[in-house]
N, C-alpha and C. Protein backbone atom coordinates (compact mmCIF):
# COMPACT_ATOMS: atom_id res chain seq x y z
N MET A 1 1.12 -1.18 -0.27
CA MET A 1 0.67 -0.21 -0.06
C MET A 1 1.13 1.31 -0.18
N ALA A 2 0.34 2.16 -0.60
CA ALA A 2 1.07 3.63 -1.10
C ALA A 2 0.81 4.34 -0.37
N GLY A 3 0.77 5.85 0.09
CA GLY A 3 0.33 6.37 0.36
C GLY A 3 1.05 7.79 -0.78
N ALA A 4 0.45 9.23 -1.11
CA ALA A 4 0.98 10.01 -2.05
C ALA A 4 0.18 11.45 -1.87
N GLY A 5 0.39 12.35 -2.01
CA GLY A 5 -0.62 13.42 -1.58
C GLY A 5 0.38 14.39 -0.74
N VAL A 6 -0.30 15.93 -1.31
CA VAL A 6 0.46 16.75 0.08
C VAL A 6 -0.97 16.62 1.14
N GLY A 7 -0.10 17.39 2.11
CA GLY A 7 -1.67 17.78 3.37
C GLY A 7 -1.11 16.47 4.22
N SER A 8 -2.20 16.38 4.85
CA SER A 8 -2.80 15.77 6.45
C SER A 8 -2.64 13.99 6.15
N HIS A 9 -3.60 13.87 4.97
CA HIS A 9 -4.40 12.86 4.53
C HIS A 9 -4.05 12.46 3.29
N PRO A 10 -2.49 11.88 2.82
CA PRO A 10 -2.83 11.64 1.95
C PRO A 10 -3.06 10.64 0.87
N PHE A 11 -3.44 10.57 -0.14
CA PHE A 11 -4.91 9.50 -0.84
C PHE A 11 -2.92 7.56 -1.21
N PHE A 12 -4.16 6.65 -0.46
CA PHE A 12 -3.73 5.35 -0.60
C PHE A 12 -3.99 4.02 -1.34
N ILE A 13 -3.53 4.39 -2.12
CA ILE A 13 -3.56 2.81 -2.81
C ILE A 13 -3.13 1.62 -2.23
N ASN A 14 -4.21 0.84 -2.64
CA ASN A 14 -3.97 -0.59 -1.70
C ASN A 14 -3.91 -1.59 -2.64
N ASP A 15 -3.58 -1.91 -4.47
CA ASP A 15 -3.36 -2.87 -5.28
C ASP A 15 -1.70 -2.99 -5.33
N GLY A 16 -0.97 -3.31 -5.40
CA GLY A 16 0.13 -3.55 -4.89
C GLY A 16 0.42 -4.89 -4.62
N ARG A 17 1.53 -5.29 -5.25
CA ARG A 17 2.08 -6.51 -4.96
C ARG A 17 3.65 -6.37 -4.83
N VAL A 18 4.31 -7.32 -4.38
CA VAL A 18 5.47 -8.49 -3.57
C VAL A 18 5.96 -9.39 -4.47
N PHE A 19 6.58 -9.38 -5.51
CA PHE A 19 7.78 -11.21 -6.13
C PHE A 19 8.68 -11.10 -4.86
N LEU A 20 8.99 -12.29 -4.98
CA LEU A 20 10.41 -13.32 -4.55
C LEU A 20 10.98 -12.75 -5.55
N THR A 21 12.48 -12.28 -5.83
CA THR A 21 12.72 -12.51 -7.44
C THR A 21 14.85 -13.57 -7.27
N GLY A 22 15.24 -13.89 -8.08
CA GLY A 22 16.47 -14.40 -7.27
C GLY A 22 16.90 -12.92 -7.32
N PRO A 23 18.91 -13.72 -7.28
CA PRO A 23 19.86 -11.98 -6.54
C PRO A 23 19.60 -11.42 -7.32
N TYR A 24 20.12 -9.41 -6.75
CA TYR A 24 19.47 -9.04 -7.48
C TYR A 24 20.77 -8.10 -6.19
N ARG A 25 21.40 -7.52 -7.26
CA ARG A 25 22.72 -6.26 -7.10
C ARG A 25 23.62 -7.27 -5.45
N GLY A 26 24.11 -8.56 -6.03
CA GLY A 26 24.51 -8.94 -4.98
C GLY A 26 24.39 -9.76 -4.08
N ALA A 27 23.45 -9.65 -4.37
CA ALA A 27 21.74 -9.41 -2.32
C ALA A 27 22.04 -11.61 -2.60
N ASP A 28 21.15 -12.09 -1.71
CA ASP A 28 21.03 -13.53 -2.30
C ASP A 28 19.59 -13.56 -3.14
N TYR A 29 18.38 -12.87 -2.91
CA TYR A 29 17.36 -12.89 -3.69
C TYR A 29 17.34 -11.45 -3.50
N GLY A 30 15.97 -10.99 -4.19
CA GLY A 30 15.92 -9.72 -4.36
C GLY A 30 14.48 -10.09 -3.94
N LEU A 31 13.27 -8.98 -4.23
CA LEU A 31 12.20 -7.98 -4.03
C LEU A 31 11.54 -7.15 -4.87
N SER A 32 10.33 -7.43 -6.00
CA SER A 32 10.42 -6.54 -7.46
C SER A 32 8.73 -5.80 -7.17
N VAL A 33 8.54 -4.49 -6.57
CA VAL A 33 7.69 -3.82 -6.10
C VAL A 33 7.26 -3.39 -6.96
N VAL A 34 5.47 -4.12 -6.63
CA VAL A 34 4.79 -3.75 -8.54
C VAL A 34 3.85 -3.07 -8.17
N MET A 35 3.33 -1.76 -8.37
CA MET A 35 2.28 -0.11 -7.96
C MET A 35 1.88 0.06 -8.80
N ARG A 36 0.37 0.19 -9.48
CA ARG A 36 -0.29 1.22 -10.40
C ARG A 36 -0.09 2.76 -10.00
N ALA A 37 0.35 3.47 -10.44
CA ALA A 37 0.32 5.23 -10.05
C ALA A 37 -1.15 5.42 -10.82
N LEU A 38 -0.93 6.37 -9.86
CA LEU A 38 -2.79 6.87 -9.95
C LEU A 38 -2.61 8.39 -8.99
N ALA A 39 -3.07 9.52 -10.41
CA ALA A 39 -3.01 10.07 -9.57
C ALA A 39 -3.99 11.84 -9.66
N GLY A 40 -5.32 11.02 -8.93
CA GLY A 40 -6.95 11.45 -9.03
C GLY A 40 -7.66 10.40 -10.15
N PRO A 41 -7.66 10.77 -11.03
CA PRO A 41 -8.78 10.49 -12.61
C PRO A 41 -7.14 9.47 -12.89
N PHE A 42 -6.60 9.54 -12.74
CA PHE A 42 -5.15 9.50 -13.90
C PHE A 42 -4.45 8.29 -13.89
N GLY A 43 -4.17 7.45 -14.72
CA GLY A 43 -3.59 6.49 -14.49
C GLY A 43 -2.36 6.30 -15.45
N LEU A 44 -1.39 6.59 -14.46
CA LEU A 44 0.43 6.68 -14.68
C LEU A 44 1.04 5.46 -15.34
N GLY A 45 0.51 4.49 -15.07
CA GLY A 45 1.21 3.16 -15.50
C GLY A 45 1.86 2.90 -14.29
N THR A 46 2.32 1.68 -14.72
CA THR A 46 2.86 0.63 -13.58
C THR A 46 4.85 0.96 -13.32
N VAL A 47 4.78 0.97 -11.89
CA VAL A 47 5.33 1.52 -11.23
C VAL A 47 6.75 0.12 -11.14
N VAL A 48 7.54 -0.03 -10.70
CA VAL A 48 8.14 -1.18 -10.62
C VAL A 48 10.16 -0.99 -9.46
N VAL A 49 9.82 -1.22 -7.99
CA VAL A 49 10.72 -1.32 -7.49
C VAL A 49 11.20 -1.96 -6.82
N ARG A 50 12.47 -2.25 -6.90
CA ARG A 50 13.46 -3.57 -6.73
C ARG A 50 14.23 -3.43 -5.56
N ALA A 51 14.43 -4.32 -4.76
CA ALA A 51 15.47 -4.24 -3.53
C ALA A 51 15.66 -5.78 -3.17
N ALA A 52 17.11 -5.31 -2.66
CA ALA A 52 17.85 -6.39 -2.57
C ALA A 52 17.53 -7.37 -1.12
N VAL A 53 17.61 -7.88 -1.04
CA VAL A 53 17.37 -9.04 0.00
C VAL A 53 18.69 -9.85 0.15
N TYR A 54 20.08 -9.42 1.66
CA TYR A 54 20.58 -9.93 3.02
C TYR A 54 20.11 -11.01 2.52
N VAL A 55 20.90 -12.07 3.42
CA VAL A 55 20.66 -13.54 3.99
C VAL A 55 21.30 -13.31 5.92
N ASN A 56 21.71 -13.11 7.03
CA ASN A 56 22.71 -13.14 7.13
C ASN A 56 22.64 -14.78 7.44
N PRO A 57 24.21 -15.56 6.96
CA PRO A 57 24.23 -16.79 7.51
C PRO A 57 24.15 -17.35 8.73
N ASP A 58 24.79 -16.90 9.69
CA ASP A 58 24.25 -17.20 11.22
C ASP A 58 23.30 -16.30 12.13
N THR A 59 22.70 -16.04 11.57
CA THR A 59 21.53 -15.35 12.09
C THR A 59 19.93 -15.82 11.27
N ALA A 60 20.05 -15.92 9.98
CA ALA A 60 19.50 -15.89 9.45
C ALA A 60 18.74 -14.60 9.45
N ALA A 61 18.83 -13.25 10.11
CA ALA A 61 18.09 -12.07 9.98
C ALA A 61 18.41 -11.12 8.27
N LEU A 62 17.50 -10.84 8.07
CA LEU A 62 17.43 -10.52 6.71
C LEU A 62 17.41 -8.24 6.93
N ARG A 63 18.42 -7.69 5.30
CA ARG A 63 18.36 -6.50 5.02
C ARG A 63 18.02 -6.72 4.44
N VAL A 64 17.00 -6.02 3.58
CA VAL A 64 17.05 -5.17 2.67
C VAL A 64 16.82 -3.69 2.17
N VAL A 65 17.66 -3.20 0.99
CA VAL A 65 18.19 -2.23 1.21
C VAL A 65 16.76 -1.88 -1.01
N SER A 66 16.16 -1.21 -0.43
CA SER A 66 15.03 -0.50 -1.40
C SER A 66 15.81 0.43 -3.01
N ASP A 67 15.57 0.40 -3.74
CA ASP A 67 16.04 0.69 -4.47
C ASP A 67 15.24 2.39 -4.11
N PRO A 68 15.69 3.33 -4.53
CA PRO A 68 15.32 4.51 -4.98
C PRO A 68 13.79 4.47 -5.12
N PHE A 69 12.50 4.79 -4.26
CA PHE A 69 11.28 5.21 -5.14
C PHE A 69 11.28 5.88 -6.22
N PRO A 70 9.94 6.15 -7.17
CA PRO A 70 10.58 7.69 -7.60
C PRO A 70 9.70 8.83 -7.12
N THR A 71 10.01 10.26 -7.69
CA THR A 71 9.91 10.98 -7.11
C THR A 71 8.47 11.38 -7.90
N VAL A 72 8.38 11.64 -9.80
CA VAL A 72 8.20 11.97 -10.86
C VAL A 72 7.46 11.10 -11.16
N VAL A 73 6.60 10.41 -12.25
CA VAL A 73 6.63 9.69 -13.09
C VAL A 73 4.80 9.87 -14.03
N LYS A 74 6.19 10.56 -14.79
CA LYS A 74 5.32 10.82 -16.33
C LYS A 74 4.90 12.48 -16.27
N GLY A 75 5.84 12.91 -15.80
CA GLY A 75 6.08 14.20 -15.61
C GLY A 75 4.54 14.38 -14.54
N VAL A 76 4.15 13.60 -13.77
CA VAL A 76 3.53 14.34 -12.26
C VAL A 76 4.49 14.07 -10.57
N PRO A 77 4.92 15.24 -10.34
CA PRO A 77 5.37 14.28 -9.05
C PRO A 77 4.43 13.65 -8.34
N LEU A 78 4.51 12.83 -7.62
CA LEU A 78 4.52 11.43 -6.61
C LEU A 78 4.09 12.25 -5.10
N ASN A 79 4.75 12.98 -4.86
CA ASN A 79 4.94 13.38 -3.45
C ASN A 79 4.61 11.93 -2.62
N LEU A 80 5.62 10.91 -2.26
CA LEU A 80 5.44 9.65 -1.42
C LEU A 80 4.96 10.13 -0.24
N ARG A 81 4.31 10.37 0.70
CA ARG A 81 4.00 9.69 2.31
C ARG A 81 4.27 9.13 2.94
N ALA A 82 3.61 7.17 2.00
CA ALA A 82 3.52 6.67 3.14
C ALA A 82 3.74 5.17 2.38
N VAL A 83 4.84 4.14 2.52
CA VAL A 83 4.83 2.45 1.87
C VAL A 83 4.45 1.56 3.35
N ARG A 84 3.57 0.75 3.18
CA ARG A 84 3.14 -0.08 3.99
C ARG A 84 3.08 -1.58 3.26
N ILE A 85 3.95 -2.38 3.77
CA ILE A 85 3.52 -3.48 3.35
C ILE A 85 3.15 -5.06 4.22
N ALA A 86 2.87 -6.26 4.31
CA ALA A 86 1.89 -6.91 5.15
C ALA A 86 2.33 -8.05 4.06
N ILE A 87 3.30 -8.68 5.28
CA ILE A 87 2.97 -10.11 4.47
C ILE A 87 2.69 -11.32 4.81
N ASP A 88 0.81 -11.31 3.55
CA ASP A 88 -0.43 -11.69 4.12
C ASP A 88 0.33 -13.20 3.14
N LYS A 89 1.17 -14.04 3.01
CA LYS A 89 1.00 -14.68 2.47
C LYS A 89 0.47 -15.80 3.63
N PRO A 90 0.16 -17.46 2.83
CA PRO A 90 -0.09 -18.45 4.85
C PRO A 90 1.07 -18.73 4.12
N GLY A 91 1.56 -19.55 5.16
CA GLY A 91 2.65 -19.87 5.36
C GLY A 91 3.90 -19.65 4.96
N PHE A 92 3.93 -18.48 4.36
CA PHE A 92 4.90 -17.63 4.05
C PHE A 92 5.92 -17.55 5.68
N MET A 93 5.71 -16.58 7.27
CA MET A 93 6.26 -17.03 7.51
C MET A 93 5.69 -18.28 8.39
N VAL A 94 7.34 -18.32 9.70
CA VAL A 94 6.47 -19.17 11.22
C VAL A 94 7.28 -18.78 11.85
N THR A 95 6.40 -18.80 12.65
CA THR A 95 6.95 -18.75 14.46
C THR A 95 8.50 -18.86 15.26
N PRO A 96 8.46 -17.72 14.95
CA PRO A 96 10.58 -17.90 16.03
C PRO A 96 10.12 -18.84 17.01
N THR A 97 11.65 -19.70 16.74
CA THR A 97 12.46 -20.08 17.66
C THR A 97 12.37 -19.62 18.98
N SER A 98 12.14 -18.90 19.96
CA SER A 98 11.91 -17.89 20.94
C SER A 98 10.87 -17.14 21.28
N CYS A 99 10.23 -16.88 21.91
CA CYS A 99 9.08 -16.04 22.48
C CYS A 99 9.55 -14.20 23.10
N ALA A 100 10.49 -14.49 23.12
CA ALA A 100 11.20 -13.64 23.55
C ALA A 100 10.80 -11.92 23.10
N LYS A 101 10.67 -11.27 22.61
CA LYS A 101 10.14 -9.53 22.39
C LYS A 101 11.78 -9.45 20.90
N LYS A 102 10.68 -9.34 19.89
CA LYS A 102 11.00 -9.09 18.40
C LYS A 102 11.28 -8.43 18.33
N SER A 103 11.34 -7.83 16.55
CA SER A 103 10.90 -6.67 16.64
C SER A 103 11.48 -6.37 14.64
N VAL A 104 11.36 -5.23 13.74
CA VAL A 104 11.93 -5.42 13.04
C VAL A 104 12.14 -4.20 12.43
N ASP A 105 13.11 -4.00 12.19
CA ASP A 105 13.57 -2.42 12.51
C ASP A 105 14.00 -1.59 10.50
N ALA A 106 14.13 -0.50 10.25
CA ALA A 106 14.79 0.21 9.16
C ALA A 106 15.00 1.36 9.52
N THR A 107 16.09 1.69 8.84
CA THR A 107 16.37 3.42 7.99
C THR A 107 15.76 3.31 6.80
N VAL A 108 15.12 4.53 6.46
CA VAL A 108 14.63 5.34 5.95
C VAL A 108 15.76 6.68 6.00
N THR A 109 14.82 6.72 4.03
CA THR A 109 16.45 7.80 3.42
C THR A 109 15.62 8.29 2.73
N SER A 110 15.05 10.26 3.25
CA SER A 110 13.91 10.59 1.63
C SER A 110 14.61 11.45 0.95
N THR A 111 14.44 11.16 -0.20
CA THR A 111 14.78 12.34 -1.37
C THR A 111 15.71 13.03 -1.02
N THR A 112 15.60 13.57 0.13
CA THR A 112 16.93 14.86 0.71
C THR A 112 17.97 14.42 0.84
N GLY A 113 17.32 12.85 1.34
CA GLY A 113 19.49 12.45 2.17
C GLY A 113 18.46 12.19 4.18
N LEU A 114 17.94 12.67 4.32
CA LEU A 114 17.46 13.18 5.76
C LEU A 114 17.01 11.41 6.09
N GLU A 115 17.65 10.70 7.46
CA GLU A 115 17.17 9.93 7.22
C GLU A 115 16.63 9.30 8.18
N ALA A 116 16.17 8.15 9.44
CA ALA A 116 15.26 7.74 10.85
C ALA A 116 14.76 6.53 10.29
N SER A 117 15.27 6.75 11.89
CA SER A 117 14.61 4.82 12.05
C SER A 117 14.13 4.59 12.73
N VAL A 118 13.12 3.74 12.92
CA VAL A 118 12.26 3.27 12.71
C VAL A 118 11.71 1.56 12.84
N SER A 119 11.08 1.43 14.01
CA SER A 119 11.23 0.26 14.11
C SER A 119 9.83 -0.80 14.92
N SER A 120 9.29 -1.64 14.31
CA SER A 120 7.50 -2.07 14.99
C SER A 120 7.96 -3.66 15.78
N PRO A 121 7.65 -3.40 16.54
CA PRO A 121 7.98 -4.55 17.83
C PRO A 121 7.17 -5.43 17.71
N TYR A 122 6.75 -7.40 17.95
CA TYR A 122 6.40 -7.71 17.91
C TYR A 122 7.02 -9.04 19.28
N ARG A 123 5.10 -9.58 19.49
CA ARG A 123 6.03 -9.92 20.29
C ARG A 123 4.68 -11.99 20.03
N VAL A 124 5.47 -12.96 20.36
CA VAL A 124 4.66 -14.30 19.50
C VAL A 124 4.26 -13.69 20.90
N ALA A 125 2.35 -14.60 20.07
CA ALA A 125 0.86 -14.94 21.09
C ALA A 125 1.76 -16.15 21.97
N GLY A 126 0.46 -16.59 22.88
CA GLY A 126 0.06 -18.28 23.09
C GLY A 126 1.86 -18.35 23.99
N CYS A 127 2.28 -17.77 23.34
CA CYS A 127 3.50 -18.75 23.99
C CYS A 127 3.71 -20.10 25.42
N ARG A 128 2.67 -19.65 25.95
CA ARG A 128 2.71 -20.95 27.94
C ARG A 128 2.23 -21.27 26.84
N ASP A 129 1.46 -21.82 26.01
CA ASP A 129 0.58 -22.80 26.04
C ASP A 129 1.69 -23.80 25.04
N LEU A 130 2.21 -23.79 25.04
CA LEU A 130 3.14 -24.22 24.20
C LEU A 130 3.58 -25.93 24.25
N PRO A 131 3.41 -26.65 24.31
CA PRO A 131 3.43 -27.90 24.72
C PRO A 131 5.45 -28.39 25.29
N PHE A 132 6.06 -27.11 25.31
CA PHE A 132 7.12 -28.00 25.10
C PHE A 132 7.91 -28.41 26.89
N ALA A 133 8.59 -29.76 26.46
CA ALA A 133 8.74 -30.94 28.05
C ALA A 133 9.84 -31.69 26.86
N PRO A 134 10.47 -30.70 26.31
CA PRO A 134 11.97 -32.34 25.33
C PRO A 134 12.53 -32.80 27.27
N LYS A 135 13.23 -34.33 26.21
CA LYS A 135 13.72 -35.08 27.48
C LYS A 135 15.05 -36.30 26.74
N LEU A 136 15.80 -34.97 27.44
CA LEU A 136 17.43 -35.88 27.25
C LEU A 136 17.71 -36.79 27.94
N THR A 137 17.78 -38.30 26.77
CA THR A 137 18.69 -39.16 27.39
C THR A 137 19.62 -39.59 27.52
N LEU A 138 21.21 -39.90 27.95
CA LEU A 138 22.62 -39.95 27.43
C LEU A 138 22.94 -41.54 28.07
N SER A 139 23.32 -41.93 27.07
CA SER A 139 24.25 -42.93 27.22
C SER A 139 25.50 -43.47 27.43
N ALA A 140 26.54 -43.59 27.77
CA ALA A 140 28.24 -43.71 28.10
C ALA A 140 28.64 -44.87 27.67
N GLY A 141 30.03 -45.41 27.30
CA GLY A 141 30.62 -46.34 27.78
C GLY A 141 29.43 -48.63 27.19
N ALA A 142 30.22 -49.14 27.46
CA ALA A 142 29.37 -49.85 27.52
C ALA A 142 30.61 -51.15 27.91
N ALA A 143 30.19 -52.75 28.38
CA ALA A 143 31.25 -53.41 29.24
C ALA A 143 31.87 -53.34 28.44
N GLY A 144 33.36 -53.63 28.87
CA GLY A 144 35.20 -54.40 27.63
C GLY A 144 35.13 -52.69 26.67
N ARG A 145 34.51 -52.49 26.98
CA ARG A 145 34.76 -50.68 25.57
C ARG A 145 35.04 -49.57 26.21
N THR A 146 35.46 -49.77 27.66
CA THR A 146 36.04 -48.22 27.83
C THR A 146 37.28 -48.49 28.23
N GLY A 147 37.81 -47.91 27.94
CA GLY A 147 39.78 -47.24 28.31
C GLY A 147 40.43 -46.60 27.80
N VAL A 148 41.77 -47.02 27.19
CA VAL A 148 42.73 -45.94 26.53
C VAL A 148 42.32 -46.71 25.23
N ARG A 149 42.41 -45.61 24.94
CA ARG A 149 42.95 -45.54 23.29
C ARG A 149 41.79 -47.45 21.90
N ARG A 150 41.45 -46.57 23.40
CA ARG A 150 39.56 -47.90 22.63
C ARG A 150 38.14 -46.76 22.39
N SER A 151 36.88 -47.43 21.68
CA SER A 151 36.11 -46.22 21.43
C SER A 151 35.21 -46.27 22.53
N THR A 152 34.40 -45.39 22.78
CA THR A 152 33.56 -45.51 24.22
C THR A 152 32.11 -45.64 22.85
N PRO A 153 31.17 -46.10 23.00
CA PRO A 153 30.18 -45.73 22.54
C PRO A 153 29.09 -44.02 23.26
N PHE A 154 28.99 -44.00 23.33
CA PHE A 154 27.77 -42.00 23.00
C PHE A 154 26.53 -42.42 22.55
N SER A 155 25.47 -42.27 23.09
CA SER A 155 23.95 -41.70 22.59
C SER A 155 23.56 -40.75 22.78
N ALA A 156 23.24 -39.82 22.67
CA ALA A 156 22.10 -39.22 23.03
C ALA A 156 20.64 -38.77 22.40
N THR A 157 19.67 -38.89 23.38
CA THR A 157 18.18 -38.91 22.79
C THR A 157 17.79 -37.70 23.14
N VAL A 158 17.17 -37.63 22.08
CA VAL A 158 16.18 -36.35 22.60
C VAL A 158 15.07 -36.85 22.26
N THR A 159 13.96 -36.56 23.50
CA THR A 159 12.54 -36.81 22.59
C THR A 159 11.50 -35.70 23.02
N GLN A 160 10.17 -35.13 21.86
CA GLN A 160 9.43 -33.50 22.54
C GLN A 160 8.27 -34.46 21.94
N SER A 161 7.09 -34.78 22.59
CA SER A 161 5.59 -34.93 23.02
C SER A 161 4.94 -33.90 21.35
N PRO A 162 4.02 -35.28 20.28
CA PRO A 162 3.04 -34.34 19.80
C PRO A 162 2.91 -32.73 19.67
N GLY A 163 3.20 -32.24 19.08
CA GLY A 163 2.25 -30.86 18.66
C GLY A 163 3.79 -29.09 19.59
């Protein structure tokens, strides 16, 4: 969804799409943001903005770097005021491995070079209701299999009830 216009109430267009693409600008993946550009009753065509998606190999955290958003389309100034992306594809996101508070953080840069840090916190709901009670069983050694220069058997088994 994009909001453009002057004043405190920009005009919002709610028909954009975001597509996951292959590598882009040296990143592991890319995004292609596709949106119709409207100025009142005038259709100015389709605007496509690409973004590079870097994946941290240690934490799996994503860093998304967007190409600049257009400021003028077919001679018409856009005055882009807001961009909202909702990830709502079923099964696209999974529950985090921790119930600790998390956040989506970003640095937004204006066309004049000014930067603002923004953050949207979230916390997984229902963590206390999860049936998490793993059991660990360890076994080491066996009759006649312990001692210097002998291979000692070792076994570790983790079990978890369904759900």
